[in-house]
């Protein structure tokens, strides 16, 4: 996973904790949960795109024989 994807994952988990705490303390808010679901889908999309990056996009060493 790349740096931005890890950061997005941390933000998503933090948002889940905060949304859960809000729900326990003040009651459920559909918009908060909807926002968290959207954030989760975006995070999953970033992770999928990161893992599907073509090999040429990654930094490689010098070719053999050079």
PDB file of N, CA and C in Angstrom:
ATOM      1  N   UNK A   1       0.841  -1.176   0.000  1.00  0.00           N
ATOM      2  CA  UNK A   1       0.000   0.000   0.000  1.00  0.00           C
ATOM      3  C   UNK A   1       0.887   1.240   0.000  1.00  0.00           C
ATOM      4  N   UNK A   2       0.502   2.216  -0.766  1.00  0.00           N
ATOM      5  CA  UNK A   2       1.267   3.456  -0.828  1.00  0.00           C
ATOM      6  C   UNK A   2       0.912   4.356   0.358  1.00  0.00           C
ATOM      7  N   UNK A   3       1.697   5.402   0.530  1.00  0.00           N
ATOM      8  CA  UNK A   3       1.480   6.342   1.628  1.00  0.00           C
ATOM      9  C   UNK A   3       0.095   6.958   1.649  1.00  0.00           C
ATOM     10  N   UNK A   4      -0.381   7.505   0.515  1.00  0.00           N
ATOM     11  CA  UNK A   4      -1.717   8.107   0.514  1.00  0.00           C
ATOM     12  C   UNK A   4      -2.833   7.103   0.840  1.00  0.00           C
ATOM     13  N   UNK A   5      -2.680   5.858   0.413  1.00  0.00           N
ATOM     14  CA  UNK A   5      -3.694   4.846   0.705  1.00  0.00           C
ATOM     15  C   UNK A   5      -3.702   4.510   2.193  1.00  0.00           C
ATOM     16  N   UNK A   6      -2.520   4.428   2.795  1.00  0.00           N
ATOM     17  CA  UNK A   6      -2.445   4.177   4.246  1.00  0.00           C
ATOM     18  C   UNK A   6      -3.069   5.330   5.016  1.00  0.00           C
ATOM     19  N   UNK A   7      -2.790   6.556   4.584  1.00  0.00           N
ATOM     20  CA  UNK A   7      -3.368   7.724   5.248  1.00  0.00           C
ATOM     21  C   UNK A   7      -4.890   7.703   5.149  1.00  0.00           C
ATOM     22  N   UNK A   8      -5.395   7.362   3.973  1.00  0.00           N
ATOM     23  CA  UNK A   8      -6.847   7.293   3.778  1.00  0.00           C
ATOM     24  C   UNK A   8      -7.457   6.210   4.661  1.00  0.00           C
ATOM     25  N   UNK A   9      -6.761   5.096   4.827  1.00  0.00           N
ATOM     26  CA  UNK A   9      -7.249   4.011   5.688  1.00  0.00           C
ATOM     27  C   UNK A   9      -7.333   4.474   7.142  1.00  0.00           C
ATOM     28  N   UNK A  10      -6.323   5.194   7.589  1.00  0.00           N
ATOM     29  CA  UNK A  10      -6.329   5.714   8.970  1.00  0.00           C
ATOM     30  C   UNK A  10      -7.477   6.696   9.155  1.00  0.00           C
ATOM     31  N   UNK A  11      -7.693   7.562   8.188  1.00  0.00           N
ATOM     32  CA  UNK A  11      -8.798   8.524   8.270  1.00  0.00           C
ATOM     33  C   UNK A  11     -10.142   7.800   8.310  1.00  0.00           C
ATOM     34  N   UNK A  12     -10.287   6.751   7.504  1.00  0.00           N
ATOM     35  CA  UNK A  12     -11.540   5.994   7.465  1.00  0.00           C
ATOM     36  C   UNK A  12     -11.822   5.310   8.792  1.00  0.00           C
ATOM     37  N   UNK A  13     -10.800   4.684   9.372  1.00  0.00           N
ATOM     38  CA  UNK A  13     -10.987   4.018  10.669  1.00  0.00           C
ATOM     39  C   UNK A  13     -11.283   5.048  11.752  1.00  0.00           C
ATOM     40  N   UNK A  14     -10.587   6.181  11.720  1.00  0.00           N
ATOM     41  CA  UNK A  14     -10.848   7.241  12.698  1.00  0.00           C
ATOM     42  C   UNK A  14     -12.277   7.770  12.570  1.00  0.00           C
ATOM     43  N   UNK A  15     -12.742   7.936  11.340  1.00  0.00           N
ATOM     44  CA  UNK A  15     -14.111   8.399  11.124  1.00  0.00           C
ATOM     45  C   UNK A  15     -15.121   7.383  11.642  1.00  0.00           C
ATOM     46  N   UNK A  16     -14.810   6.091  11.498  1.00  0.00           N
ATOM     47  CA  UNK A  16     -15.696   5.054  12.031  1.00  0.00           C
ATOM     48  C   UNK A  16     -15.782   5.151  13.552  1.00  0.00           C
ATOM     49  N   UNK A  17     -14.648   5.333  14.194  1.00  0.00           N
ATOM     50  CA  UNK A  17     -14.639   5.458  15.660  1.00  0.00           C
ATOM     51  C   UNK A  17     -15.431   6.689  16.100  1.00  0.00           C
ATOM     52  N   UNK A  18     -15.206   7.810  15.432  1.00  0.00           N
ATOM     53  CA  UNK A  18     -15.915   9.041  15.801  1.00  0.00           C
ATOM     54  C   UNK A  18     -17.421   8.934  15.530  1.00  0.00           C
ATOM     55  N   UNK A  19     -17.797   8.324  14.418  1.00  0.00           N
ATOM     56  CA  UNK A  19     -19.215   8.155  14.097  1.00  0.00           C
ATOM     57  C   UNK A  19     -19.892   7.238  15.110  1.00  0.00           C
ATOM     58  N   UNK A  20     -19.194   6.175  15.495  1.00  0.00           N
ATOM     59  CA  UNK A  20     -19.743   5.267  16.501  1.00  0.00           C
ATOM     60  C   UNK A  20     -19.895   5.977  17.841  1.00  0.00           C
ATOM     61  N   UNK A  21     -18.887   6.749  18.238  1.00  0.00           N
ATOM     62  CA  UNK A  21     -18.960   7.487  19.503  1.00  0.00           C
ATOM     63  C   UNK A  21     -20.112   8.492  19.484  1.00  0.00           C
ATOM     64  N   UNK A  22     -20.286   9.180  18.369  1.00  0.00           N
ATOM     65  CA  UNK A  22     -21.390  10.126  18.236  1.00  0.00           C
ATOM     66  C   UNK A  22     -22.727   9.410  18.366  1.00  0.00           C
ATOM     67  N   UNK A  23     -22.844   8.260  17.720  1.00  0.00           N
ATOM     68  CA  UNK A  23     -24.088   7.496  17.760  1.00  0.00           C
ATOM     69  C   UNK A  23     -24.400   7.039  19.178  1.00  0.00           C
ATOM     70  N   UNK A  24     -23.393   6.599  19.915  1.00  0.00           N
ATOM     71  CA  UNK A  24     -23.600   6.140  21.290  1.00  0.00           C
ATOM     72  C   UNK A  24     -23.983   7.312  22.186  1.00  0.00           C
ATOM     73  N   UNK A  25     -23.308   8.447  22.010  1.00  0.00           N
ATOM     74  CA  UNK A  25     -23.529   9.584  22.904  1.00  0.00           C
ATOM     75  C   UNK A  25     -24.805  10.364  22.587  1.00  0.00           C
ATOM     76  N   UNK A  26     -25.073  10.601  21.318  1.00  0.00           N
ATOM     77  CA  UNK A  26     -26.155  11.518  20.951  1.00  0.00           C
ATOM     78  C   UNK A  26     -27.259  10.901  20.111  1.00  0.00           C
ATOM     79  N   UNK A  27     -27.082   9.675  19.700  1.00  0.00           N
ATOM     80  CA  UNK A  27     -28.087   9.040  18.853  1.00  0.00           C
ATOM     81  C   UNK A  27     -27.622   8.965  17.412  1.00  0.00           C
ATOM     82  N   UNK A  28     -28.255   8.113  16.668  1.00  0.00           N
ATOM     83  CA  UNK A  28     -27.835   7.845  15.299  1.00  0.00           C
ATOM     84  C   UNK A  28     -28.102   9.024  14.375  1.00  0.00           C
ATOM     85  N   UNK A  29     -27.188   9.213  13.451  1.00  0.00           N
ATOM     86  CA  UNK A  29     -27.351  10.217  12.417  1.00  0.00           C
ATOM     87  C   UNK A  29     -27.119   9.536  11.069  1.00  0.00           C
ATOM     88  N   UNK A  30     -28.163   9.446  10.283  1.00  0.00           N
ATOM     89  CA  UNK A  30     -28.060   8.787   8.997  1.00  0.00           C
ATOM     90  C   UNK A  30     -27.031   9.418   8.077  1.00  0.00           C
ATOM     91  N   UNK A  31     -26.909  10.750   8.133  1.00  0.00           N
ATOM     92  CA  UNK A  31     -25.944  11.429   7.272  1.00  0.00           C
ATOM     93  C   UNK A  31     -24.512  11.089   7.649  1.00  0.00           C
ATOM     94  N   UNK A  32     -24.247  10.958   8.951  1.00  0.00           N
ATOM     95  CA  UNK A  32     -22.892  10.574   9.368  1.00  0.00           C
ATOM     96  C   UNK A  32     -22.542   9.184   8.861  1.00  0.00           C
ATOM     97  N   UNK A  33     -23.481   8.258   9.002  1.00  0.00           N
ATOM     98  CA  UNK A  33     -23.222   6.892   8.532  1.00  0.00           C
ATOM     99  C   UNK A  33     -23.105   6.846   7.014  1.00  0.00           C
ATOM    100  N   UNK A  34     -23.931   7.611   6.336  1.00  0.00           N
ATOM    101  CA  UNK A  34     -23.830   7.675   4.879  1.00  0.00           C
ATOM    102  C   UNK A  34     -22.455   8.212   4.458  1.00  0.00           C
ATOM    103  N   UNK A  35     -22.012   9.262   5.127  1.00  0.00           N
ATOM    104  CA  UNK A  35     -20.693   9.825   4.837  1.00  0.00           C
ATOM    105  C   UNK A  35     -19.586   8.829   5.093  1.00  0.00           C
ATOM    106  N   UNK A  36     -19.726   8.057   6.177  1.00  0.00           N
ATOM    107  CA  UNK A  36     -18.698   7.058   6.471  1.00  0.00           C
ATOM    108  C   UNK A  36     -18.683   5.958   5.414  1.00  0.00           C
ATOM    109  N   UNK A  37     -19.854   5.542   4.955  1.00  0.00           N
ATOM    110  CA  UNK A  37     -19.919   4.511   3.910  1.00  0.00           C
ATOM    111  C   UNK A  37     -19.257   5.017   2.630  1.00  0.00           C
ATOM    112  N   UNK A  38     -19.530   6.265   2.247  1.00  0.00           N
ATOM    113  CA  UNK A  38     -18.900   6.842   1.057  1.00  0.00           C
ATOM    114  C   UNK A  38     -17.383   6.876   1.237  1.00  0.00           C
ATOM    115  N   UNK A  39     -16.921   7.305   2.396  1.00  0.00           N
ATOM    116  CA  UNK A  39     -15.487   7.336   2.688  1.00  0.00           C
ATOM    117  C   UNK A  39     -14.880   5.938   2.603  1.00  0.00           C
ATOM    118  N   UNK A  40     -15.588   4.944   3.121  1.00  0.00           N
ATOM    119  CA  UNK A  40     -15.110   3.567   3.057  1.00  0.00           C
ATOM    120  C   UNK A  40     -15.015   3.057   1.632  1.00  0.00           C
ATOM    121  N   UNK A  41     -15.989   3.383   0.810  1.00  0.00           N
ATOM    122  CA  UNK A  41     -15.971   2.944  -0.594  1.00  0.00           C
ATOM    123  C   UNK A  41     -14.809   3.602  -1.338  1.00  0.00           C
ATOM    124  N   UNK A  42     -14.585   4.870  -1.076  1.00  0.00           N
ATOM    125  CA  UNK A  42     -13.459   5.562  -1.712  1.00  0.00           C
ATOM    126  C   UNK A  42     -12.135   4.937  -1.274  1.00  0.00           C
ATOM    127  N   UNK A  43     -12.025   4.604   0.003  1.00  0.00           N
ATOM    128  CA  UNK A  43     -10.803   3.973   0.509  1.00  0.00           C
ATOM    129  C   UNK A  43     -10.577   2.610  -0.144  1.00  0.00           C
ATOM    130  N   UNK A  44     -11.620   1.831  -0.264  1.00  0.00           N
ATOM    131  CA  UNK A  44     -11.504   0.520  -0.917  1.00  0.00           C
ATOM    132  C   UNK A  44     -11.099   0.710  -2.379  1.00  0.00           C
ATOM    133  N   UNK A  45     -11.657   1.707  -3.035  1.00  0.00           N
ATOM    134  CA  UNK A  45     -11.282   1.995  -4.419  1.00  0.00           C
ATOM    135  C   UNK A  45      -9.820   2.383  -4.550  1.00  0.00           C
ATOM    136  N   UNK A  46      -9.336   3.203  -3.618  1.00  0.00           N
ATOM    137  CA  UNK A  46      -7.921   3.579  -3.640  1.00  0.00           C
ATOM    138  C   UNK A  46      -7.028   2.367  -3.435  1.00  0.00           C
ATOM    139  N   UNK A  47      -7.402   1.493  -2.503  1.00  0.00           N
ATOM    140  CA  UNK A  47      -6.600   0.296  -2.238  1.00  0.00           C
ATOM    141  C   UNK A  47      -6.603  -0.623  -3.459  1.00  0.00           C
ATOM    142  N   UNK A  48      -7.748  -0.752  -4.123  1.00  0.00           N
ATOM    143  CA  UNK A  48      -7.822  -1.601  -5.311  1.00  0.00           C
ATOM    144  C   UNK A  48      -6.991  -1.018  -6.440  1.00  0.00           C
ATOM    145  N   UNK A  49      -7.062   0.278  -6.631  1.00  0.00           N
ATOM    146  CA  UNK A  49      -6.275   0.919  -7.686  1.00  0.00           C
ATOM    147  C   UNK A  49      -4.792   0.820  -7.393  1.00  0.00           C
ATOM    148  N   UNK A  50      -4.444   0.928  -6.122  1.00  0.00           N
ATOM    149  CA  UNK A  50      -3.043   0.839  -5.714  1.00  0.00           C
ATOM    150  C   UNK A  50      -2.491  -0.555  -5.969  1.00  0.00           C
ATOM    151  N   UNK A  51      -3.270  -1.586  -5.679  1.00  0.00           N
ATOM    152  CA  UNK A  51      -2.803  -2.955  -5.866  1.00  0.00           C
ATOM    153  C   UNK A  51      -2.827  -3.367  -7.335  1.00  0.00           C
ATOM    154  N   UNK A  52      -3.611  -2.681  -8.155  1.00  0.00           N
ATOM    155  CA  UNK A  52      -3.707  -3.025  -9.569  1.00  0.00           C
ATOM    156  C   UNK A  52      -2.779  -2.180 -10.437  1.00  0.00           C
ATOM    157  N   UNK A  53      -1.923  -1.358  -9.806  1.00  0.00           N
ATOM    158  CA  UNK A  53      -1.014  -0.508 -10.579  1.00  0.00           C
ATOM    159  C   UNK A  53      -0.092  -1.384 -11.418  1.00  0.00           C
ATOM    160  N   UNK A  54       0.106  -1.026 -12.665  1.00  0.00           N
ATOM    161  CA  UNK A  54       0.977  -1.831 -13.518  1.00  0.00           C
ATOM    162  C   UNK A  54       2.406  -1.827 -12.990  1.00  0.00           C
ATOM    163  N   UNK A  55       3.125  -2.881 -13.270  1.00  0.00           N
ATOM    164  CA  UNK A  55       4.496  -3.013 -12.789  1.00  0.00           C
ATOM    165  C   UNK A  55       5.401  -1.903 -13.277  1.00  0.00           C
ATOM    166  N   UNK A  56       5.127  -1.364 -14.451  1.00  0.00           N
ATOM    167  CA  UNK A  56       5.952  -0.290 -14.989  1.00  0.00           C
ATOM    168  C   UNK A  56       5.825   1.003 -14.209  1.00  0.00           C
ATOM    169  N   UNK A  57       4.764   1.147 -13.442  1.00  0.00           N
ATOM    170  CA  UNK A  57       4.572   2.371 -12.674  1.00  0.00           C
ATOM    171  C   UNK A  57       5.434   2.388 -11.425  1.00  0.00           C
ATOM    172  N   UNK A  58       5.924   1.234 -11.038  1.00  0.00           N
ATOM    173  CA  UNK A  58       6.757   1.157  -9.839  1.00  0.00           C
ATOM    174  C   UNK A  58       8.212   1.357 -10.222  1.00  0.00           C
ATOM    175  N   UNK A  59       8.975   1.868  -9.278  1.00  0.00           N
ATOM    176  CA  UNK A  59      10.392   2.094  -9.508  1.00  0.00           C
ATOM    177  C   UNK A  59      11.126   0.762  -9.549  1.00  0.00           C
ATOM    178  N   UNK A  60      11.935   0.579 -10.570  1.00  0.00           N
ATOM    179  CA  UNK A  60      12.697  -0.645 -10.720  1.00  0.00           C
ATOM    180  C   UNK A  60      14.179  -0.311 -10.786  1.00  0.00           C
ATOM    181  N   UNK A  61      14.964  -1.318 -10.515  1.00  0.00           N
ATOM    182  CA  UNK A  61      16.406  -1.158 -10.636  1.00  0.00           C
ATOM    183  C   UNK A  61      16.820  -1.174 -12.095  1.00  0.00           C
ATOM    184  N   UNK A  62      18.107  -1.135 -12.321  1.00  0.00           N
ATOM    185  CA  UNK A  62      18.627  -1.160 -13.685  1.00  0.00           C
ATOM    186  C   UNK A  62      18.407  -2.538 -14.299  1.00  0.00           C
ATOM    187  N   UNK A  63      18.147  -2.601 -15.584  1.00  0.00           N
ATOM    188  CA  UNK A  63      17.963  -3.892 -16.241  1.00  0.00           C
ATOM    189  C   UNK A  63      19.239  -4.745 -16.157  1.00  0.00           C
ATOM    190  N   UNK A  64      19.076  -6.043 -16.172  1.00  0.00           N
ATOM    191  CA  UNK A  64      20.222  -6.955 -16.109  1.00  0.00           C
ATOM    192  C   UNK A  64      21.112  -6.742 -17.323  1.00  0.00           C
ATOM    193  N   UNK A  65      22.414  -6.810 -17.114  1.00  0.00           N
ATOM    194  CA  UNK A  65      23.358  -6.668 -18.210  1.00  0.00           C
ATOM    195  C   UNK A  65      23.773  -5.236 -18.480  1.00  0.00           C
ATOM    196  N   UNK A  66      23.318  -4.295 -17.731  1.00  0.00           N
ATOM    197  CA  UNK A  66      23.680  -2.871 -17.942  1.00  0.00           C
ATOM    198  C   UNK A  66      24.517  -2.391 -16.807  1.00  0.00           C
TER     199      UNK A  66
END
